């Protein structure tokens, strides 16, 4: 832009110098000066474009040279690393082979192992053993290990094949010489075998029940439910698993699934009272009192406080006073010191018109002294009404 400004200044100067002449010539000279100015501006623009293009080309060339230099340096460093690693890996075997060849030159063919042992025994018999002399032979089982063998014997070299792919070169000399030999380990195929212990059904059930307990303690009820279902698939008669699963389903108000599960348990074990008791409680939760009584009646002889108390309450609520009276009577036998059982028994008898037995039961309830004030007041009112 500075070049264009300079050119415009030069044009203005020239116009200033030529202005008198142009006025005298009758207006022809200004037109030519305008044409010259346009030409110069056009040329200046072309020059500027050429300079920009040249600058871009030079910049691209410099960047290409830098990239080429970087790639060449990276390639040279990689070649140096490979050469260093190659030289490091190949040097050791060559050195060991050179030492081995220098220590045991012109050895004869290896004899049979028995013959070699005989030669060694003869050499040892003919050689006096000094107190400072030692024999050490270390055979390595690890991959590519070097064995140091120190032997004090007369000047003789014996090659003893130890195994198919191992041999130790032993040199006997009047002084201690250290022999370095490369011992190639015998290649053995290693196999990894994984044995799975097959669990018995009882062991499998016990394992899953332990996991159920852990998941319940951690609050993972969905996983516990899945494990309990697996237990029932293995052992359908597992009462604890069925009760726990029914309780979990009852807790999340899946009453239909709990009913079906308990019905299956009752079909498998009709005399197991816990399934009927749980089923009755679910019916009571659904306000289906009559079904609760019907589910408990088949085992009404059960000597269980929980069982008889639920049956008595459901029957009394459903106005089945004879069933309620029988249940309360069993409860007074199981827990005679509980006044509420005597009160319930008296109320059931009173509802059936058996007033004499009802009064005796009411008196027994008052004698226990375990009733609330309201219950005692109710009993006194009924005794008064019955003529006492």
Protein backbone atom coordinates (compact mmCIF):
# COMPACT_ATOMS: atom_id res chain seq x y z
CA UNK A 1 0.00 0.00 0.00
CA UNK A 2 2.93 2.35 0.61
CA UNK A 3 4.04 1.86 -3.02
CA UNK A 4 0.58 2.84 -4.29
CA UNK A 5 0.49 5.92 -2.05
CA UNK A 6 3.89 6.97 -3.35
CA UNK A 7 2.72 6.56 -6.95
CA UNK A 8 -0.41 8.63 -6.26
CA UNK A 9 1.71 11.38 -4.73
CA UNK A 10 3.94 11.39 -7.82
CA UNK A 11 0.89 11.67 -10.04
CA UNK A 12 -0.46 14.61 -8.04
CA UNK A 13 2.88 16.34 -8.33
CA UNK A 14 2.97 15.86 -12.06
CA UNK A 15 -0.58 17.13 -12.42
CA UNK A 16 0.32 20.19 -10.40
CA UNK A 17 3.26 20.87 -12.70
CA UNK A 18 1.24 20.33 -15.87
CA UNK A 19 -1.91 22.19 -14.77
CA UNK A 20 -1.10 25.55 -16.49
CA UNK A 21 -0.40 23.84 -19.74
CA UNK A 22 -3.56 21.86 -19.54
CA UNK A 23 -5.65 24.99 -19.03
CA UNK A 24 -4.07 26.66 -22.01
CA UNK A 25 -4.62 23.71 -24.30
CA UNK A 26 -8.37 23.98 -23.90
CA UNK A 27 -9.06 20.97 -21.57
CA UNK A 28 -7.41 18.17 -23.62
CA UNK A 29 -4.46 17.56 -21.23
CA UNK A 30 -6.52 16.60 -18.11
CA UNK A 31 -8.13 13.66 -19.94
CA UNK A 32 -4.74 12.13 -20.80
CA UNK A 33 -3.58 12.60 -17.23
CA UNK A 34 -6.65 10.72 -15.97
CA UNK A 35 -5.88 7.84 -18.30
CA UNK A 36 -2.29 7.74 -17.09
CA UNK A 37 -3.46 7.71 -13.50
CA UNK A 38 -5.79 4.77 -14.10
CA UNK A 39 -3.04 2.87 -15.87
CA UNK A 40 -0.62 3.40 -13.00
CA UNK A 41 -3.20 2.32 -10.45
CA UNK A 42 -3.94 -0.84 -12.45
CA UNK A 43 -0.23 -1.64 -12.73
CA UNK A 44 0.23 -1.03 -9.02
CA UNK A 45 -2.60 -3.44 -8.19
CA UNK A 46 -1.11 -6.12 -10.43
CA UNK A 47 2.28 -5.62 -8.75
CA UNK A 48 0.69 -5.93 -5.32
CA UNK A 49 -1.09 -9.19 -6.28
CA UNK A 50 2.16 -10.61 -7.60
CA UNK A 51 3.96 -9.71 -4.38
CA UNK A 52 1.27 -11.45 -2.28
CA UNK A 53 1.43 -14.60 -4.43
CA UNK A 54 5.23 -14.66 -4.20
CA UNK A 55 5.06 -14.28 -0.41
CA UNK A 56 2.64 -17.22 -0.08
CA UNK A 57 4.80 -19.44 -2.27
CA UNK A 58 7.89 -18.64 -0.21
CA UNK A 59 6.00 -19.40 3.05
CA UNK A 60 4.79 -22.79 1.75
CA UNK A 61 8.28 -23.68 0.61
CA UNK A 62 9.77 -22.88 4.02
CA UNK A 63 7.12 -25.01 5.79
CA UNK A 64 7.73 -27.92 3.43
CA UNK A 65 11.46 -27.73 4.11
CA UNK A 66 10.82 -27.77 7.86
CA UNK A 67 8.55 -30.81 7.60
CA UNK A 68 11.09 -32.65 5.47
CA UNK A 69 13.85 -31.84 7.95
CA UNK A 70 11.74 -33.09 10.90
CA UNK A 71 10.82 -36.33 9.15
CA UNK A 72 14.45 -36.96 8.20
CA UNK A 73 15.62 -36.37 11.78
CA UNK A 74 12.89 -38.68 13.14
CA UNK A 75 13.88 -41.36 10.62
CA UNK A 76 17.56 -41.03 11.54
CA UNK A 77 16.78 -41.33 15.27
CA UNK A 78 14.57 -44.39 14.65
CA UNK A 79 17.33 -46.03 12.59
CA UNK A 80 19.83 -45.30 15.37
CA UNK A 81 17.53 -46.84 17.99
CA UNK A 82 16.96 -49.96 15.90
CA UNK A 83 20.66 -50.34 15.27
CA UNK A 84 21.41 -49.92 18.99
CA UNK A 85 18.79 -52.48 19.98
CA UNK A 86 19.99 -54.90 17.29
CA UNK A 87 23.58 -54.58 18.34
CA UNK A 88 22.58 -55.04 22.00
CA UNK A 89 20.68 -58.25 21.33
CA UNK A 90 23.19 -59.85 18.97
CA UNK A 91 26.35 -59.04 20.89
CA UNK A 92 25.80 -61.40 23.80
CA UNK A 93 25.35 -64.63 21.81
CA UNK A 94 28.39 -63.82 19.64
CA UNK A 95 30.56 -63.15 22.68
CA UNK A 96 29.46 -66.33 24.41
CA UNK A 97 30.07 -68.38 21.28
CA UNK A 98 33.51 -66.83 20.86
CA UNK A 99 34.47 -67.58 24.44
CA UNK A 100 33.19 -71.11 24.16
CA UNK A 101 35.13 -71.75 20.95
CA UNK A 102 38.28 -70.28 22.47
CA UNK A 103 38.03 -72.35 25.63
CA UNK A 104 37.39 -75.73 23.98
CA UNK A 105 39.20 -75.84 20.59
CA UNK A 106 39.43 -78.94 18.41
CA UNK A 107 37.12 -81.09 20.51
CA UNK A 108 36.41 -84.59 19.38
CA UNK A 109 32.92 -85.85 18.70
CA UNK A 110 30.86 -86.31 21.84
CA UNK A 111 30.95 -89.86 23.06
CA UNK A 112 28.12 -91.74 24.51
CA UNK A 113 27.15 -90.46 27.95
CA UNK A 114 28.39 -93.64 29.59
CA UNK A 115 31.76 -93.37 27.88
CA UNK A 116 32.08 -89.75 28.85
CA UNK A 117 31.42 -90.55 32.47
CA UNK A 118 34.14 -93.25 32.36
CA UNK A 119 36.68 -90.78 30.94
CA UNK A 120 35.85 -88.28 33.65
CA UNK A 121 36.25 -90.90 36.36
CA UNK A 122 39.68 -91.88 34.98
CA UNK A 123 40.76 -88.25 34.87
CA UNK A 124 39.66 -87.70 38.45
CA UNK A 125 41.55 -90.81 39.60
CA UNK A 126 44.75 -89.70 37.90
CA UNK A 127 44.48 -86.11 39.19
CA UNK A 128 45.55 -85.19 42.71
CA UNK A 129 42.85 -83.21 44.41
CA UNK A 130 44.11 -80.17 46.30
CA UNK A 131 42.32 -78.56 49.18
CA UNK A 132 41.76 -75.42 47.14
CA UNK A 133 40.38 -77.19 44.05
CA UNK A 134 36.63 -77.23 43.49
CA UNK A 135 34.20 -78.54 40.93
CA UNK A 136 31.00 -76.65 40.32
CA UNK A 137 28.48 -77.23 37.60
CA UNK A 138 25.32 -75.16 37.60
CA UNK A 139 22.68 -76.20 35.15
CA UNK A 140 20.10 -73.47 34.49
CA UNK A 141 16.46 -74.26 33.82
CA UNK A 142 15.48 -70.70 33.02
CA UNK A 143 15.57 -69.42 29.44
CA UNK A 144 18.98 -68.28 28.05
CA UNK A 145 20.95 -68.36 31.30
CA UNK A 146 24.78 -68.65 31.42
CA UNK A 147 26.45 -71.37 33.47
CA UNK A 148 29.81 -70.84 35.18
CA UNK A 149 31.85 -74.03 35.46
CA UNK A 150 35.10 -74.07 37.40
CA UNK A 151 37.26 -77.24 37.09
CA UNK A 152 40.81 -78.06 38.25
CA UNK A 153 42.17 -81.04 36.22
CA UNK A 154 45.12 -81.73 33.89
CA UNK A 155 45.10 -80.08 30.49
CA UNK A 156 42.37 -81.91 28.70
CA UNK A 157 39.02 -80.98 27.18
CA UNK A 158 36.00 -83.24 27.40
CA UNK A 159 32.54 -82.48 26.00
CA UNK A 160 29.78 -84.23 27.89
CA UNK A 161 26.26 -84.15 26.45
CA UNK A 162 23.87 -83.69 29.35
CA UNK A 163 20.54 -83.72 27.54
CA UNK A 164 19.33 -83.62 24.00
CA UNK A 165 19.58 -79.84 23.80
CA UNK A 166 22.12 -79.18 26.60
CA UNK A 167 25.82 -79.74 26.78
CA UNK A 168 28.54 -78.54 29.13
CA UNK A 169 32.10 -78.04 27.93
CA UNK A 170 34.58 -78.90 30.68
CA UNK A 171 38.25 -78.02 30.40
CA UNK A 172 40.83 -79.56 32.73
CA UNK A 173 43.89 -77.51 33.47
CA UNK A 174 46.57 -77.42 36.17
CA UNK A 175 45.15 -74.10 37.38
CA UNK A 176 41.62 -72.83 37.87
CA UNK A 177 40.02 -71.72 34.63
CA UNK A 178 36.56 -70.35 34.35
CA UNK A 179 34.57 -71.82 31.51
CA UNK A 180 31.47 -69.99 30.32
CA UNK A 181 29.10 -72.10 28.30
CA UNK A 182 25.67 -71.39 26.98
CA UNK A 183 23.07 -73.84 28.19
CA UNK A 184 19.91 -73.95 26.17
CA UNK A 185 16.98 -75.04 28.36
CA UNK A 186 14.80 -77.88 27.32
CA UNK A 187 11.63 -76.61 25.80
CA UNK A 188 8.66 -77.93 27.69
CA UNK A 189 5.08 -77.30 26.82
CA UNK A 190 3.20 -75.67 29.68
CA UNK A 191 -0.53 -76.13 29.93
CA UNK A 192 -3.01 -74.34 32.17
CA UNK A 193 -6.01 -76.31 33.21
CA UNK A 194 -8.93 -74.86 35.17
CA UNK A 195 -10.99 -77.34 37.08
CA UNK A 196 -14.50 -76.48 38.18
CA UNK A 197 -15.92 -78.17 41.22
CA UNK A 198 -19.44 -79.31 40.59
CA UNK A 199 -21.64 -78.30 43.49
CA UNK A 200 -24.37 -80.51 44.81
CA UNK A 201 -27.89 -79.06 44.84
CA UNK A 202 -27.66 -78.56 48.61
CA UNK A 203 -24.35 -76.67 48.30
CA UNK A 204 -25.70 -74.55 45.47
CA UNK A 205 -28.80 -73.64 47.47
CA UNK A 206 -26.72 -72.76 50.53
CA UNK A 207 -24.44 -70.56 48.42
CA UNK A 208 -27.37 -68.68 46.91
CA UNK A 209 -29.06 -68.20 50.27
CA UNK A 210 -25.89 -66.60 51.64
CA UNK A 211 -25.91 -64.21 48.69
CA UNK A 212 -29.59 -63.47 49.33
CA UNK A 213 -28.79 -62.41 52.88
CA UNK A 214 -25.98 -60.14 51.69
CA UNK A 215 -28.19 -58.47 49.08
CA UNK A 216 -31.04 -57.93 51.55
CA UNK A 217 -28.65 -56.32 54.02
CA UNK A 218 -27.37 -54.06 51.24
CA UNK A 219 -30.92 -53.13 50.23
CA UNK A 220 -30.70 -54.80 46.82
CA UNK A 221 -34.09 -56.50 47.00
CA UNK A 222 -34.42 -57.04 43.24
CA UNK A 223 -31.24 -59.14 43.18
CA UNK A 224 -32.38 -60.99 46.31
CA UNK A 225 -35.69 -61.84 44.64
CA UNK A 226 -33.88 -63.19 41.57
CA UNK A 227 -31.64 -65.37 43.74
CA UNK A 228 -34.63 -66.71 45.69
CA UNK A 229 -36.35 -67.66 42.44
CA UNK A 230 -33.19 -69.53 41.41
CA UNK A 231 -33.21 -71.36 44.75
CA UNK A 232 -36.81 -72.47 44.21
CA UNK A 233 -35.92 -73.71 40.73
CA UNK A 234 -33.27 -75.94 42.30
CA UNK A 235 -35.33 -76.94 45.35
CA UNK A 236 -39.04 -76.18 45.19
CA UNK A 237 -39.53 -77.45 48.74
CA UNK A 238 -37.24 -74.83 50.27
CA UNK A 239 -39.68 -73.26 52.74
CA UNK A 240 -37.46 -70.40 53.89
CA UNK A 241 -36.76 -69.23 50.34
CA UNK A 242 -40.47 -69.34 49.45
CA UNK A 243 -41.46 -67.38 52.58
CA UNK A 244 -38.76 -64.75 52.01
CA UNK A 245 -39.75 -64.31 48.38
CA UNK A 246 -43.45 -64.03 49.29
CA UNK A 247 -42.59 -61.46 51.99
CA UNK A 248 -40.58 -59.38 49.48
CA UNK A 249 -43.44 -59.45 46.98
CA UNK A 250 -45.92 -58.62 49.74
CA UNK A 251 -43.70 -55.69 50.78
CA UNK A 252 -43.86 -54.15 47.33
CA UNK A 253 -47.63 -54.89 47.18
CA UNK A 254 -47.43 -57.50 44.46
CA UNK A 255 -50.22 -59.46 46.09
CA UNK A 256 -51.11 -61.58 43.08
CA UNK A 257 -47.59 -62.96 42.70
CA UNK A 258 -47.37 -63.61 46.45
CA UNK A 259 -50.70 -65.48 46.42
CA UNK A 260 -49.58 -67.68 43.53
CA UNK A 261 -46.27 -68.43 45.21
CA UNK A 262 -47.92 -69.40 48.49
CA UNK A 263 -50.59 -71.46 46.73
CA UNK A 264 -47.83 -73.48 45.07
CA UNK A 265 -46.22 -73.99 48.48
CA UNK A 266 -49.50 -75.16 50.01
CA UNK A 267 -49.96 -77.64 47.15
CA UNK A 268 -46.49 -79.03 47.76
CA UNK A 269 -46.78 -79.06 51.58
CA UNK A 270 -50.41 -78.90 52.72
CA UNK A 271 -49.51 -79.29 56.40
CA UNK A 272 -47.09 -76.36 56.47
CA UNK A 273 -49.01 -73.72 58.44
CA UNK A 274 -46.74 -70.74 57.66
CA UNK A 275 -47.84 -70.59 54.03
CA UNK A 276 -51.54 -70.49 55.04
CA UNK A 277 -50.85 -67.85 57.68
CA UNK A 278 -49.04 -65.59 55.20
CA UNK A 279 -51.79 -66.08 52.65
CA UNK A 280 -54.44 -65.13 55.26
CA UNK A 281 -52.57 -61.96 56.17
CA UNK A 282 -52.44 -60.94 52.52
CA UNK A 283 -56.21 -61.50 52.29
CA UNK A 284 -56.75 -59.32 55.37
CA UNK A 285 -54.59 -56.64 53.79
CA UNK A 286 -56.93 -56.78 50.82
CA UNK A 287 -59.99 -56.64 53.17
CA UNK A 288 -61.02 -60.12 52.05
CA UNK A 289 -61.83 -61.51 55.52
CA UNK A 290 -63.81 -64.57 54.44
CA UNK A 291 -60.95 -65.83 52.25
CA UNK A 292 -58.56 -65.31 55.14
CA UNK A 293 -60.73 -67.53 57.37
CA UNK A 294 -61.06 -70.16 54.65
CA UNK A 295 -57.29 -70.32 54.12
CA UNK A 296 -56.70 -70.91 57.87
CA UNK A 297 -59.51 -73.38 58.62
CA UNK A 298 -57.80 -76.53 57.22
CA UNK A 299 -55.12 -76.25 59.93
CA UNK A 300 -57.27 -74.84 62.73
CA UNK A 301 -55.80 -77.44 65.09
CA UNK A 302 -52.35 -75.87 64.82
CA UNK A 303 -50.82 -75.14 68.21
CA UNK A 304 -49.47 -71.71 67.28
CA UNK A 305 -50.32 -68.42 68.97
CA UNK A 306 -49.84 -66.41 65.75
CA UNK A 307 -51.94 -68.80 63.70
CA UNK A 308 -54.82 -68.99 66.20
CA UNK A 309 -54.82 -65.25 66.92
CA UNK A 310 -55.19 -64.37 63.21
CA UNK A 311 -57.90 -67.02 62.79
CA UNK A 312 -59.81 -65.79 65.89
CA UNK A 313 -59.67 -62.13 64.85
CA UNK A 314 -60.69 -62.87 61.23
CA UNK A 315 -63.55 -65.17 62.28
CA UNK A 316 -64.83 -62.67 64.88
CA UNK A 317 -64.67 -59.88 62.29
CA UNK A 318 -66.58 -62.06 59.81
CA UNK A 319 -69.14 -62.89 62.59
CA UNK A 320 -68.21 -66.56 62.55
CA UNK A 321 -68.39 -66.72 66.36
CA UNK A 322 -68.17 -70.49 66.68
CA UNK A 323 -64.84 -70.54 64.81
CA UNK A 324 -63.65 -67.54 66.80
CA UNK A 325 -64.62 -69.21 70.10
CA UNK A 326 -62.63 -72.33 69.24
CA UNK A 327 -59.58 -70.25 68.30
CA UNK A 328 -59.76 -68.14 71.48
CA UNK A 329 -60.17 -71.27 73.60
CA UNK A 330 -56.93 -72.67 72.13
CA UNK A 331 -55.24 -69.34 72.87
CA UNK A 332 -56.33 -69.46 76.54
CA UNK A 333 -54.70 -72.88 76.70
CA UNK A 334 -51.48 -71.69 75.04
CA UNK A 335 -51.22 -68.44 77.06
CA UNK A 336 -53.56 -68.62 80.07
CA UNK A 337 -52.26 -65.43 81.68
CA UNK A 338 -53.21 -63.20 78.76
CA UNK A 339 -56.50 -61.47 79.63
CA UNK A 340 -57.27 -60.50 76.03
CA UNK A 341 -57.71 -64.16 75.06
CA UNK A 342 -60.23 -64.70 77.88
CA UNK A 343 -62.03 -61.54 76.86
CA UNK A 344 -62.26 -62.67 73.25
CA UNK A 345 -63.43 -66.10 74.29
CA UNK A 346 -66.14 -64.61 76.53
CA UNK A 347 -67.29 -62.22 73.79
CA UNK A 348 -67.59 -65.08 71.26
CA UNK A 349 -69.62 -67.17 73.73
CA UNK A 350 -71.72 -64.15 74.61
CA UNK A 351 -72.52 -63.62 70.91
CA UNK A 352 -73.69 -67.24 70.63
CA UNK A 353 -76.01 -66.97 73.68
CA UNK A 354 -73.87 -69.12 75.96
CA UNK A 355 -74.09 -66.64 78.82
CA UNK A 356 -72.96 -68.81 81.73
CA UNK A 357 -69.71 -69.79 80.04
CA UNK A 358 -69.32 -66.19 78.85
CA UNK A 359 -69.54 -64.87 82.45
CA UNK A 360 -66.89 -67.36 83.59
CA UNK A 361 -64.60 -66.25 80.82
CA UNK A 362 -65.18 -62.58 81.68
CA UNK A 363 -64.31 -63.21 85.33
CA UNK A 364 -61.13 -65.01 84.29
CA UNK A 365 -60.17 -62.05 82.13
CA UNK A 366 -60.56 -59.67 85.08
CA UNK A 367 -58.49 -61.99 87.26
CA UNK A 368 -55.48 -61.73 84.99
CA UNK A 369 -55.10 -57.97 85.63
CA UNK A 370 -53.51 -57.57 82.20
CA UNK A 371 -56.33 -55.64 80.54
CA UNK A 372 -56.67 -51.96 79.87
CA UNK A 373 -59.20 -49.82 81.74
CA UNK A 374 -61.55 -49.71 78.78
CA UNK A 375 -61.50 -53.51 78.48
CA UNK A 376 -62.21 -53.93 82.20
CA UNK A 377 -65.09 -51.45 82.01
CA UNK A 378 -66.59 -53.36 79.08
CA UNK A 379 -66.40 -56.63 81.00
CA UNK A 380 -68.13 -55.13 84.07
CA UNK A 381 -70.89 -53.76 81.88
CA UNK A 382 -71.46 -57.14 80.28
CA UNK A 383 -71.46 -58.92 83.63
CA UNK A 384 -74.05 -56.45 84.91
CA UNK A 385 -76.13 -56.99 81.81
CA UNK A 386 -75.94 -60.75 82.26
CA UNK A 387 -77.38 -60.48 85.81
CA UNK A 388 -74.36 -60.36 88.03
